[in-house]
Amino acid sequence: MPKKSIPKKYEKYWKLLNNVIDPELHIGIIDLGLIYDVRIKKDKTAVVTMTLTTPTCPEGPLIIGEVEAKMLAQKEIKNVYVEIVWDPPWTADMMDPKIRSLLLGD
C-alpha cells in the first residue's frame, strides 16, 4: 500500500507527519511506511489511515497522539480521526528503501 501516488494537495501533510518520530526506531513514521492515507474532508476533519509496527506496539498511543497533535496544529484542520488498520500488516518492505538499507543493510 505505501509508495502510492499522493495527491499534491495532501503532500504537505505527509511531510508534516514524517516529523512524528517512532520513539524506538528514531525514524519518521512516513519513512517507516506507517501512514497509508491522509485525507481532509469538507468539514475540515483530517482522516489519517495508518498502522503500527505490531498490534502490541507499546509506543502506539504516543505515536497516535502526536499524529493528532501535528494535524490539529494546522489552521485548516478542525478535527482528526486516526484510523488504525492491520491490513495490510506492516513489514520492513514498507519502509523507505534508503532507510531500510541503513537499518537492515540490504
N, C-alpha and C. Protein backbone atom coordinates (compact mmCIF):
# COMPACT_ATOMS: atom_id res chain seq x y z
N MET A 1 0.81 -1.21 0.00
CA MET A 1 0.00 0.00 0.00
C MET A 1 0.85 1.27 0.00
N PRO A 2 1.97 1.35 0.69
CA PRO A 2 2.77 2.57 0.63
C PRO A 2 3.31 2.81 -0.77
N LYS A 3 3.94 3.94 -0.94
CA LYS A 3 4.54 4.35 -2.20
C LYS A 3 3.48 4.64 -3.25
N LYS A 4 2.26 4.88 -2.82
CA LYS A 4 1.23 5.24 -3.77
C LYS A 4 1.39 6.71 -4.13
N SER A 5 0.71 7.09 -5.17
CA SER A 5 0.76 8.49 -5.60
C SER A 5 -0.03 9.34 -4.60
N ILE A 6 0.61 10.39 -4.12
CA ILE A 6 -0.01 11.27 -3.14
C ILE A 6 -0.54 12.50 -3.87
N PRO A 7 -1.84 12.78 -3.74
CA PRO A 7 -2.36 14.00 -4.37
C PRO A 7 -1.60 15.23 -3.87
N LYS A 8 -1.29 16.12 -4.77
CA LYS A 8 -0.48 17.30 -4.44
C LYS A 8 -1.05 18.07 -3.25
N LYS A 9 -2.38 18.17 -3.16
CA LYS A 9 -2.98 18.95 -2.07
C LYS A 9 -2.75 18.32 -0.70
N TYR A 10 -2.31 17.07 -0.65
CA TYR A 10 -2.06 16.40 0.62
C TYR A 10 -0.57 16.22 0.93
N GLU A 11 0.30 16.59 0.00
CA GLU A 11 1.74 16.37 0.19
C GLU A 11 2.26 17.02 1.47
N LYS A 12 1.78 18.22 1.78
CA LYS A 12 2.30 18.91 2.97
C LYS A 12 2.00 18.13 4.25
N TYR A 13 0.88 17.42 4.29
CA TYR A 13 0.53 16.64 5.48
C TYR A 13 1.44 15.42 5.61
N TRP A 14 1.80 14.81 4.49
CA TRP A 14 2.72 13.68 4.52
C TRP A 14 4.08 14.13 5.05
N LYS A 15 4.54 15.28 4.57
CA LYS A 15 5.82 15.82 5.04
C LYS A 15 5.73 16.14 6.53
N LEU A 16 4.64 16.75 6.92
CA LEU A 16 4.42 17.11 8.32
C LEU A 16 4.45 15.86 9.21
N LEU A 17 3.76 14.82 8.79
CA LEU A 17 3.67 13.61 9.61
C LEU A 17 4.99 12.85 9.70
N ASN A 18 5.91 13.12 8.78
CA ASN A 18 7.22 12.47 8.91
C ASN A 18 8.02 13.06 10.06
N ASN A 19 7.52 14.17 10.63
CA ASN A 19 8.13 14.74 11.83
C ASN A 19 7.67 14.04 13.10
N VAL A 20 6.72 13.12 12.97
CA VAL A 20 6.36 12.25 14.08
C VAL A 20 7.37 11.11 14.06
N ILE A 21 8.16 11.04 15.09
CA ILE A 21 9.27 10.08 15.13
C ILE A 21 8.91 8.87 16.00
N ASP A 22 9.12 7.69 15.44
CA ASP A 22 8.93 6.48 16.23
C ASP A 22 9.97 6.50 17.35
N PRO A 23 9.52 6.49 18.62
CA PRO A 23 10.47 6.63 19.73
C PRO A 23 11.44 5.47 19.90
N GLU A 24 11.12 4.32 19.37
CA GLU A 24 12.02 3.17 19.49
C GLU A 24 13.03 3.13 18.35
N LEU A 25 12.58 3.44 17.14
CA LEU A 25 13.45 3.35 15.98
C LEU A 25 14.08 4.69 15.59
N HIS A 26 13.53 5.79 16.14
CA HIS A 26 14.04 7.14 15.87
C HIS A 26 13.99 7.49 14.38
N ILE A 27 12.88 7.11 13.75
CA ILE A 27 12.67 7.35 12.33
C ILE A 27 11.25 7.90 12.16
N GLY A 28 11.09 8.81 11.20
CA GLY A 28 9.76 9.37 10.92
C GLY A 28 8.79 8.30 10.46
N ILE A 29 7.53 8.46 10.84
CA ILE A 29 6.54 7.42 10.56
C ILE A 29 6.19 7.31 9.07
N ILE A 30 6.44 8.35 8.29
CA ILE A 30 6.27 8.23 6.84
C ILE A 30 7.39 7.36 6.28
N ASP A 31 8.62 7.66 6.68
CA ASP A 31 9.75 6.85 6.21
C ASP A 31 9.62 5.39 6.62
N LEU A 32 8.97 5.15 7.76
CA LEU A 32 8.75 3.77 8.21
C LEU A 32 7.64 3.07 7.43
N GLY A 33 6.82 3.85 6.74
CA GLY A 33 5.71 3.25 5.99
C GLY A 33 4.48 3.00 6.84
N LEU A 34 4.35 3.72 7.95
CA LEU A 34 3.20 3.51 8.85
C LEU A 34 1.95 4.25 8.40
N ILE A 35 2.09 5.29 7.60
CA ILE A 35 0.93 6.04 7.13
C ILE A 35 0.51 5.50 5.78
N TYR A 36 -0.77 5.14 5.68
CA TYR A 36 -1.30 4.59 4.43
C TYR A 36 -2.07 5.63 3.64
N ASP A 37 -2.73 6.57 4.33
CA ASP A 37 -3.53 7.56 3.62
C ASP A 37 -3.79 8.76 4.52
N VAL A 38 -3.91 9.93 3.89
CA VAL A 38 -4.30 11.16 4.58
C VAL A 38 -5.31 11.86 3.68
N ARG A 39 -6.44 12.19 4.25
CA ARG A 39 -7.49 12.91 3.53
C ARG A 39 -8.05 13.99 4.43
N ILE A 40 -8.50 15.08 3.82
CA ILE A 40 -9.18 16.14 4.55
C ILE A 40 -10.60 16.22 4.01
N LYS A 41 -11.56 16.01 4.89
CA LYS A 41 -12.97 16.06 4.48
C LYS A 41 -13.44 17.51 4.42
N LYS A 42 -14.57 17.72 3.79
CA LYS A 42 -15.13 19.07 3.64
C LYS A 42 -15.41 19.74 4.97
N ASP A 43 -15.70 18.95 6.01
CA ASP A 43 -15.96 19.53 7.33
C ASP A 43 -14.66 19.83 8.09
N LYS A 44 -13.52 19.76 7.38
CA LYS A 44 -12.19 20.06 7.93
C LYS A 44 -11.70 19.01 8.92
N THR A 45 -12.21 17.79 8.77
CA THR A 45 -11.73 16.67 9.55
C THR A 45 -10.64 15.97 8.76
N ALA A 46 -9.49 15.80 9.38
CA ALA A 46 -8.40 15.03 8.78
C ALA A 46 -8.62 13.57 9.14
N VAL A 47 -8.56 12.72 8.13
CA VAL A 47 -8.66 11.28 8.34
C VAL A 47 -7.31 10.69 7.96
N VAL A 48 -6.63 10.14 8.96
CA VAL A 48 -5.30 9.56 8.76
C VAL A 48 -5.44 8.05 8.96
N THR A 49 -5.17 7.32 7.90
CA THR A 49 -5.20 5.86 7.96
C THR A 49 -3.77 5.39 8.12
N MET A 50 -3.56 4.63 9.17
CA MET A 50 -2.19 4.20 9.47
C MET A 50 -2.18 2.85 10.16
N THR A 51 -0.99 2.34 10.35
CA THR A 51 -0.78 1.11 11.10
C THR A 51 0.34 1.35 12.09
N LEU A 52 0.66 0.34 12.83
CA LEU A 52 1.81 0.36 13.74
C LEU A 52 2.67 -0.84 13.39
N THR A 53 3.88 -0.88 13.89
CA THR A 53 4.76 -1.99 13.54
C THR A 53 4.22 -3.32 14.03
N THR A 54 3.53 -3.30 15.17
CA THR A 54 2.87 -4.50 15.70
C THR A 54 1.60 -4.08 16.43
N PRO A 55 0.61 -4.99 16.55
CA PRO A 55 -0.60 -4.64 17.30
C PRO A 55 -0.32 -4.34 18.77
N THR A 56 0.79 -4.82 19.30
CA THR A 56 1.11 -4.60 20.71
C THR A 56 2.18 -3.52 20.90
N CYS A 57 2.37 -2.69 19.90
CA CYS A 57 3.38 -1.64 19.95
C CYS A 57 3.18 -0.79 21.21
N PRO A 58 4.14 -0.78 22.12
CA PRO A 58 3.97 -0.02 23.36
C PRO A 58 3.94 1.49 23.14
N GLU A 59 4.48 1.95 22.02
CA GLU A 59 4.51 3.38 21.72
C GLU A 59 3.32 3.83 20.88
N GLY A 60 2.41 2.91 20.57
CA GLY A 60 1.26 3.22 19.73
C GLY A 60 0.46 4.44 20.19
N PRO A 61 0.04 4.48 21.45
CA PRO A 61 -0.74 5.64 21.89
C PRO A 61 0.02 6.97 21.76
N LEU A 62 1.32 6.94 22.02
CA LEU A 62 2.14 8.15 21.89
C LEU A 62 2.20 8.60 20.42
N ILE A 63 2.43 7.67 19.52
CA ILE A 63 2.52 7.98 18.10
C ILE A 63 1.19 8.53 17.60
N ILE A 64 0.10 7.88 17.96
CA ILE A 64 -1.23 8.34 17.53
C ILE A 64 -1.50 9.74 18.07
N GLY A 65 -1.15 9.99 19.32
CA GLY A 65 -1.34 11.31 19.91
C GLY A 65 -0.55 12.38 19.19
N GLU A 66 0.67 12.04 18.78
CA GLU A 66 1.49 13.00 18.04
C GLU A 66 0.93 13.26 16.64
N VAL A 67 0.39 12.23 16.00
CA VAL A 67 -0.26 12.42 14.70
C VAL A 67 -1.42 13.40 14.85
N GLU A 68 -2.24 13.17 15.86
CA GLU A 68 -3.39 14.07 16.10
C GLU A 68 -2.92 15.49 16.36
N ALA A 69 -1.90 15.65 17.20
CA ALA A 69 -1.41 16.99 17.55
C ALA A 69 -0.85 17.71 16.33
N LYS A 70 -0.05 17.02 15.51
CA LYS A 70 0.53 17.65 14.32
C LYS A 70 -0.57 18.11 13.37
N MET A 71 -1.57 17.29 13.19
CA MET A 71 -2.65 17.65 12.26
C MET A 71 -3.49 18.79 12.82
N LEU A 72 -3.81 18.74 14.11
CA LEU A 72 -4.63 19.79 14.71
C LEU A 72 -3.89 21.13 14.77
N ALA A 73 -2.58 21.13 14.69
CA ALA A 73 -1.81 22.37 14.69
C ALA A 73 -1.95 23.14 13.37
N GLN A 74 -2.54 22.49 12.37
CA GLN A 74 -2.76 23.14 11.08
C GLN A 74 -4.07 23.92 11.15
N LYS A 75 -4.01 25.19 10.79
CA LYS A 75 -5.18 26.06 10.97
C LYS A 75 -6.41 25.59 10.19
N GLU A 76 -6.20 24.88 9.10
CA GLU A 76 -7.34 24.43 8.29
C GLU A 76 -7.97 23.13 8.80
N ILE A 77 -7.38 22.52 9.82
CA ILE A 77 -7.88 21.26 10.38
C ILE A 77 -8.63 21.53 11.68
N LYS A 78 -9.86 21.06 11.76
CA LYS A 78 -10.67 21.26 12.96
C LYS A 78 -10.78 19.99 13.81
N ASN A 79 -10.72 18.83 13.17
CA ASN A 79 -10.84 17.55 13.86
C ASN A 79 -9.90 16.55 13.20
N VAL A 80 -9.51 15.54 13.96
CA VAL A 80 -8.66 14.48 13.41
C VAL A 80 -9.23 13.14 13.81
N TYR A 81 -9.30 12.26 12.84
CA TYR A 81 -9.69 10.88 13.10
C TYR A 81 -8.54 10.00 12.61
N VAL A 82 -7.92 9.27 13.52
CA VAL A 82 -6.84 8.35 13.17
C VAL A 82 -7.44 6.95 13.13
N GLU A 83 -7.40 6.37 11.95
CA GLU A 83 -7.92 5.02 11.75
C GLU A 83 -6.73 4.06 11.73
N ILE A 84 -6.67 3.18 12.70
CA ILE A 84 -5.62 2.16 12.76
C ILE A 84 -6.12 0.92 12.02
N VAL A 85 -5.32 0.47 11.06
CA VAL A 85 -5.68 -0.72 10.30
C VAL A 85 -4.54 -1.74 10.40
N TRP A 86 -4.89 -2.98 10.25
CA TRP A 86 -3.90 -4.06 10.33
C TRP A 86 -3.77 -4.81 9.02
N ASP A 87 -4.48 -4.36 8.01
CA ASP A 87 -4.43 -4.98 6.70
C ASP A 87 -4.20 -3.91 5.66
N PRO A 88 -3.06 -3.88 5.02
CA PRO A 88 -2.01 -4.89 5.11
C PRO A 88 -1.17 -4.71 6.37
N PRO A 89 -0.68 -5.81 6.90
CA PRO A 89 0.19 -5.70 8.07
C PRO A 89 1.51 -5.04 7.68
N TRP A 90 2.08 -4.30 8.61
CA TRP A 90 3.34 -3.62 8.36
C TRP A 90 4.47 -4.63 8.26
N THR A 91 5.36 -4.41 7.30
CA THR A 91 6.61 -5.17 7.20
C THR A 91 7.73 -4.18 6.89
N ALA A 92 8.94 -4.60 7.04
CA ALA A 92 10.09 -3.75 6.74
C ALA A 92 10.12 -3.32 5.28
N ASP A 93 9.46 -4.08 4.41
CA ASP A 93 9.39 -3.72 2.99
C ASP A 93 8.63 -2.42 2.76
N MET A 94 7.86 -1.97 3.75
CA MET A 94 7.09 -0.74 3.62
C MET A 94 7.93 0.50 3.90
N MET A 95 9.10 0.31 4.46
CA MET A 95 9.98 1.44 4.76
C MET A 95 10.51 2.06 3.48
N ASP A 96 10.87 3.33 3.59
CA ASP A 96 11.60 3.98 2.51
C ASP A 96 12.84 3.12 2.25
N PRO A 97 13.12 2.78 0.99
CA PRO A 97 14.24 1.88 0.69
C PRO A 97 15.59 2.35 1.26
N LYS A 98 15.82 3.65 1.28
CA LYS A 98 17.09 4.16 1.82
C LYS A 98 17.18 3.92 3.32
N ILE A 99 16.07 4.13 4.01
CA ILE A 99 16.03 3.91 5.46
C ILE A 99 16.19 2.42 5.76
N ARG A 100 15.47 1.60 5.01
CA ARG A 100 15.55 0.15 5.21
C ARG A 100 16.99 -0.33 5.00
N SER A 101 17.66 0.20 3.98
CA SER A 101 19.04 -0.18 3.71
C SER A 101 19.96 0.20 4.87
N LEU A 102 19.75 1.40 5.43
CA LEU A 102 20.56 1.83 6.57
C LEU A 102 20.35 0.94 7.79
N LEU A 103 19.08 0.60 8.04
CA LEU A 103 18.75 -0.20 9.22
C LEU A 103 19.11 -1.67 9.06
N LEU A 104 18.79 -2.20 7.90
CA LEU A 104 18.91 -3.64 7.71
C LEU A 104 20.10 -4.05 6.84
N GLY A 105 20.73 -3.06 6.23
CA GLY A 105 21.89 -3.36 5.41
C GLY A 105 21.59 -4.12 4.15
N ASP A 106 20.36 -3.98 3.62
CA ASP A 106 20.06 -4.70 2.37
C ASP A 106 20.06 -3.80 1.17
